[in-house]
Amino acid sequence: MVSRQITIVNRDGFHMRAAGDFAKAMATFNSEVTVSSATKSVNGKSMMHLIASGFQKGTELTIQCEGPDEAAQLEAACAMIASGFGEA
């Protein structure tokens, strides 16, 4: 299992497009991914869970990946968030 903390930088956080793009990208990996804040934890492969999380700009998240390709999945997840989902 690997994990890293990262802060959401895009203006609208995990809104519909960002959540959909993130979940779709994470689904290409065989590992499980969990996205957590101080108050909630959701499945990173679920667009609906990400949208419902309400994670907004400035939220500090912990991305946790576990499985055969966990390191690559963690790098991809953090890169997407750090890039502001292309809209920072």
N, C-alpha and C. Protein backbone atom coordinates (compact mmCIF):
# COMPACT_ATOMS: atom_id res chain seq x y z
N MET A 1 0.85 -1.17 0.00
CA MET A 1 0.00 0.00 0.00
C MET A 1 0.90 1.24 0.00
N VAL A 2 0.51 2.22 -0.83
CA VAL A 2 1.22 3.49 -0.90
C VAL A 2 0.20 4.62 -0.74
N SER A 3 0.67 5.74 -0.21
CA SER A 3 -0.25 6.88 -0.05
C SER A 3 0.54 8.17 -0.11
N ARG A 4 -0.17 9.25 -0.37
CA ARG A 4 0.43 10.58 -0.42
C ARG A 4 -0.64 11.61 -0.13
N GLN A 5 -0.24 12.70 0.49
CA GLN A 5 -1.16 13.81 0.73
C GLN A 5 -0.99 14.85 -0.38
N ILE A 6 -2.11 15.42 -0.78
CA ILE A 6 -2.11 16.43 -1.84
C ILE A 6 -3.31 17.35 -1.63
N THR A 7 -3.17 18.59 -2.05
CA THR A 7 -4.24 19.58 -1.88
C THR A 7 -4.89 19.87 -3.22
N ILE A 8 -6.21 19.94 -3.24
CA ILE A 8 -6.94 20.27 -4.46
C ILE A 8 -6.66 21.73 -4.83
N VAL A 9 -6.27 21.97 -6.08
CA VAL A 9 -5.91 23.32 -6.50
C VAL A 9 -6.90 23.94 -7.49
N ASN A 10 -7.70 23.12 -8.16
CA ASN A 10 -8.63 23.72 -9.13
C ASN A 10 -9.83 24.36 -8.43
N ARG A 11 -10.40 25.35 -9.06
CA ARG A 11 -11.44 26.19 -8.46
C ARG A 11 -12.66 25.43 -7.97
N ASP A 12 -13.09 24.42 -8.72
CA ASP A 12 -14.35 23.75 -8.40
C ASP A 12 -14.18 22.37 -7.76
N GLY A 13 -12.97 21.97 -7.42
CA GLY A 13 -12.76 20.69 -6.76
C GLY A 13 -13.21 19.51 -7.62
N PHE A 14 -13.76 18.49 -6.97
CA PHE A 14 -14.22 17.29 -7.68
C PHE A 14 -15.64 17.50 -8.20
N HIS A 15 -15.80 18.38 -9.17
CA HIS A 15 -17.10 18.58 -9.81
C HIS A 15 -17.30 17.46 -10.84
N MET A 16 -18.39 17.50 -11.58
CA MET A 16 -18.77 16.39 -12.43
C MET A 16 -17.68 15.97 -13.43
N ARG A 17 -17.14 16.90 -14.19
CA ARG A 17 -16.14 16.53 -15.20
C ARG A 17 -14.87 16.02 -14.55
N ALA A 18 -14.39 16.73 -13.54
CA ALA A 18 -13.15 16.32 -12.86
C ALA A 18 -13.32 14.94 -12.23
N ALA A 19 -14.44 14.72 -11.56
CA ALA A 19 -14.69 13.43 -10.92
C ALA A 19 -14.78 12.32 -11.96
N GLY A 20 -15.44 12.59 -13.07
CA GLY A 20 -15.57 11.60 -14.13
C GLY A 20 -14.22 11.25 -14.75
N ASP A 21 -13.42 12.27 -15.05
CA ASP A 21 -12.09 12.04 -15.62
C ASP A 21 -11.21 11.27 -14.65
N PHE A 22 -11.26 11.63 -13.38
CA PHE A 22 -10.44 10.96 -12.37
C PHE A 22 -10.84 9.50 -12.23
N ALA A 23 -12.14 9.24 -12.08
CA ALA A 23 -12.62 7.87 -11.91
C ALA A 23 -12.29 7.02 -13.13
N LYS A 24 -12.44 7.59 -14.32
CA LYS A 24 -12.13 6.86 -15.55
C LYS A 24 -10.65 6.51 -15.62
N ALA A 25 -9.80 7.45 -15.27
CA ALA A 25 -8.35 7.20 -15.27
C ALA A 25 -7.98 6.15 -14.24
N MET A 26 -8.57 6.21 -13.06
CA MET A 26 -8.24 5.26 -12.00
C MET A 26 -8.74 3.85 -12.34
N ALA A 27 -9.81 3.75 -13.11
CA ALA A 27 -10.36 2.45 -13.50
C ALA A 27 -9.43 1.68 -14.44
N THR A 28 -8.46 2.36 -15.04
CA THR A 28 -7.54 1.68 -15.94
C THR A 28 -6.47 0.90 -15.16
N PHE A 29 -6.42 1.07 -13.85
CA PHE A 29 -5.45 0.37 -13.01
C PHE A 29 -6.13 -0.80 -12.30
N ASN A 30 -5.33 -1.80 -11.96
CA ASN A 30 -5.85 -2.97 -11.24
C ASN A 30 -5.91 -2.77 -9.74
N SER A 31 -5.23 -1.77 -9.24
CA SER A 31 -5.21 -1.49 -7.80
C SER A 31 -6.46 -0.74 -7.37
N GLU A 32 -6.73 -0.79 -6.08
CA GLU A 32 -7.82 -0.01 -5.48
C GLU A 32 -7.28 1.35 -5.09
N VAL A 33 -8.13 2.37 -5.17
CA VAL A 33 -7.73 3.72 -4.79
C VAL A 33 -8.80 4.32 -3.89
N THR A 34 -8.34 4.91 -2.79
CA THR A 34 -9.23 5.56 -1.84
C THR A 34 -8.80 7.02 -1.73
N VAL A 35 -9.78 7.92 -1.80
CA VAL A 35 -9.53 9.35 -1.67
C VAL A 35 -10.17 9.79 -0.36
N SER A 36 -9.35 10.34 0.54
CA SER A 36 -9.84 10.68 1.88
C SER A 36 -9.49 12.11 2.25
N SER A 37 -10.40 12.72 3.01
CA SER A 37 -10.13 14.01 3.65
C SER A 37 -10.15 13.74 5.15
N ALA A 38 -10.12 14.78 5.93
CA ALA A 38 -10.18 14.61 7.39
C ALA A 38 -11.52 14.05 7.85
N THR A 39 -12.57 14.23 7.02
CA THR A 39 -13.91 13.84 7.47
C THR A 39 -14.58 12.73 6.68
N LYS A 40 -14.05 12.40 5.49
CA LYS A 40 -14.69 11.34 4.70
C LYS A 40 -13.69 10.62 3.82
N SER A 41 -14.09 9.43 3.39
CA SER A 41 -13.25 8.58 2.57
C SER A 41 -14.13 7.94 1.50
N VAL A 42 -13.69 8.01 0.23
CA VAL A 42 -14.50 7.48 -0.87
C VAL A 42 -13.65 6.64 -1.82
N ASN A 43 -14.34 5.81 -2.58
CA ASN A 43 -13.72 5.00 -3.63
C ASN A 43 -13.34 5.92 -4.79
N GLY A 44 -12.06 5.98 -5.12
CA GLY A 44 -11.59 6.85 -6.19
C GLY A 44 -11.95 6.40 -7.59
N LYS A 45 -12.53 5.21 -7.72
CA LYS A 45 -12.97 4.73 -9.03
C LYS A 45 -14.46 5.00 -9.25
N SER A 46 -15.10 5.66 -8.28
CA SER A 46 -16.53 5.94 -8.37
C SER A 46 -16.78 7.44 -8.59
N MET A 47 -17.21 7.78 -9.78
CA MET A 47 -17.52 9.18 -10.09
C MET A 47 -18.56 9.73 -9.12
N MET A 48 -19.59 8.96 -8.85
CA MET A 48 -20.67 9.43 -7.97
C MET A 48 -20.17 9.66 -6.54
N HIS A 49 -19.31 8.78 -6.05
CA HIS A 49 -18.77 8.97 -4.70
C HIS A 49 -17.90 10.22 -4.63
N LEU A 50 -17.11 10.45 -5.68
CA LEU A 50 -16.25 11.63 -5.71
C LEU A 50 -17.07 12.92 -5.75
N ILE A 51 -18.12 12.94 -6.56
CA ILE A 51 -18.99 14.12 -6.63
C ILE A 51 -19.66 14.35 -5.28
N ALA A 52 -20.19 13.27 -4.71
CA ALA A 52 -20.91 13.38 -3.43
C ALA A 52 -19.99 13.76 -2.27
N SER A 53 -18.70 13.54 -2.43
CA SER A 53 -17.75 13.85 -1.35
C SER A 53 -17.73 15.33 -1.01
N GLY A 54 -17.97 16.17 -2.01
CA GLY A 54 -17.93 17.61 -1.79
C GLY A 54 -16.52 18.15 -1.63
N PHE A 55 -15.50 17.40 -2.04
CA PHE A 55 -14.12 17.87 -1.94
C PHE A 55 -13.95 19.12 -2.79
N GLN A 56 -13.57 20.22 -2.16
CA GLN A 56 -13.44 21.52 -2.82
C GLN A 56 -11.99 21.99 -2.85
N LYS A 57 -11.77 23.10 -3.54
CA LYS A 57 -10.45 23.71 -3.60
C LYS A 57 -9.92 23.92 -2.18
N GLY A 58 -8.64 23.58 -2.00
CA GLY A 58 -8.01 23.75 -0.70
C GLY A 58 -8.13 22.55 0.22
N THR A 59 -8.97 21.58 -0.13
CA THR A 59 -9.10 20.39 0.69
C THR A 59 -7.84 19.56 0.60
N GLU A 60 -7.28 19.19 1.75
CA GLU A 60 -6.12 18.31 1.76
C GLU A 60 -6.61 16.88 1.74
N LEU A 61 -6.17 16.14 0.74
CA LEU A 61 -6.59 14.76 0.55
C LEU A 61 -5.43 13.80 0.80
N THR A 62 -5.78 12.59 1.18
CA THR A 62 -4.83 11.49 1.20
C THR A 62 -5.28 10.51 0.12
N ILE A 63 -4.40 10.25 -0.81
CA ILE A 63 -4.66 9.27 -1.87
C ILE A 63 -3.95 7.99 -1.46
N GLN A 64 -4.71 6.91 -1.37
CA GLN A 64 -4.14 5.63 -0.95
C GLN A 64 -4.44 4.59 -2.02
N CYS A 65 -3.41 3.90 -2.49
CA CYS A 65 -3.55 2.89 -3.52
C CYS A 65 -3.00 1.57 -3.01
N GLU A 66 -3.69 0.48 -3.35
CA GLU A 66 -3.24 -0.83 -2.91
C GLU A 66 -3.52 -1.85 -4.01
N GLY A 67 -2.46 -2.51 -4.45
CA GLY A 67 -2.60 -3.54 -5.46
C GLY A 67 -1.36 -3.65 -6.32
N PRO A 68 -1.45 -4.40 -7.42
CA PRO A 68 -0.28 -4.72 -8.22
C PRO A 68 0.37 -3.53 -8.93
N ASP A 69 -0.39 -2.50 -9.24
CA ASP A 69 0.16 -1.33 -9.93
C ASP A 69 -0.05 -0.05 -9.12
N GLU A 70 0.05 -0.20 -7.80
CA GLU A 70 -0.26 0.89 -6.88
C GLU A 70 0.63 2.12 -7.06
N ALA A 71 1.91 1.92 -7.31
CA ALA A 71 2.83 3.06 -7.45
C ALA A 71 2.47 3.91 -8.67
N ALA A 72 2.21 3.25 -9.78
CA ALA A 72 1.84 3.98 -11.00
C ALA A 72 0.49 4.66 -10.83
N GLN A 73 -0.43 4.01 -10.16
CA GLN A 73 -1.75 4.59 -9.94
C GLN A 73 -1.65 5.83 -9.04
N LEU A 74 -0.84 5.75 -8.00
CA LEU A 74 -0.66 6.89 -7.10
C LEU A 74 -0.06 8.07 -7.86
N GLU A 75 0.93 7.82 -8.69
CA GLU A 75 1.53 8.89 -9.47
C GLU A 75 0.51 9.54 -10.40
N ALA A 76 -0.30 8.72 -11.07
CA ALA A 76 -1.31 9.25 -11.99
C ALA A 76 -2.37 10.06 -11.24
N ALA A 77 -2.82 9.56 -10.10
CA ALA A 77 -3.84 10.25 -9.32
C ALA A 77 -3.33 11.61 -8.85
N CYS A 78 -2.13 11.63 -8.31
CA CYS A 78 -1.57 12.88 -7.79
C CYS A 78 -1.27 13.87 -8.92
N ALA A 79 -0.84 13.36 -10.06
CA ALA A 79 -0.58 14.25 -11.20
C ALA A 79 -1.87 14.93 -11.67
N MET A 80 -2.97 14.18 -11.70
CA MET A 80 -4.25 14.77 -12.11
C MET A 80 -4.69 15.87 -11.15
N ILE A 81 -4.58 15.60 -9.87
CA ILE A 81 -5.01 16.58 -8.87
C ILE A 81 -4.09 17.80 -8.89
N ALA A 82 -2.79 17.56 -8.97
CA ALA A 82 -1.83 18.67 -8.98
C ALA A 82 -1.98 19.55 -10.20
N SER A 83 -2.42 18.97 -11.33
CA SER A 83 -2.60 19.74 -12.56
C SER A 83 -3.91 20.53 -12.53
N GLY A 84 -4.73 20.34 -11.50
CA GLY A 84 -6.03 21.02 -11.43
C GLY A 84 -6.99 20.46 -12.44
N PHE A 85 -6.79 19.18 -12.81
CA PHE A 85 -7.64 18.52 -13.81
C PHE A 85 -7.65 19.30 -15.11
N GLY A 86 -6.55 19.98 -15.38
CA GLY A 86 -6.43 20.76 -16.62
C GLY A 86 -7.15 22.09 -16.59
N GLU A 87 -7.60 22.51 -15.40
CA GLU A 87 -8.37 23.76 -15.33
C GLU A 87 -7.92 24.67 -14.21
N ALA A 88 -6.79 24.39 -13.58
CA ALA A 88 -6.33 25.19 -12.45
C ALA A 88 -6.23 26.65 -12.85
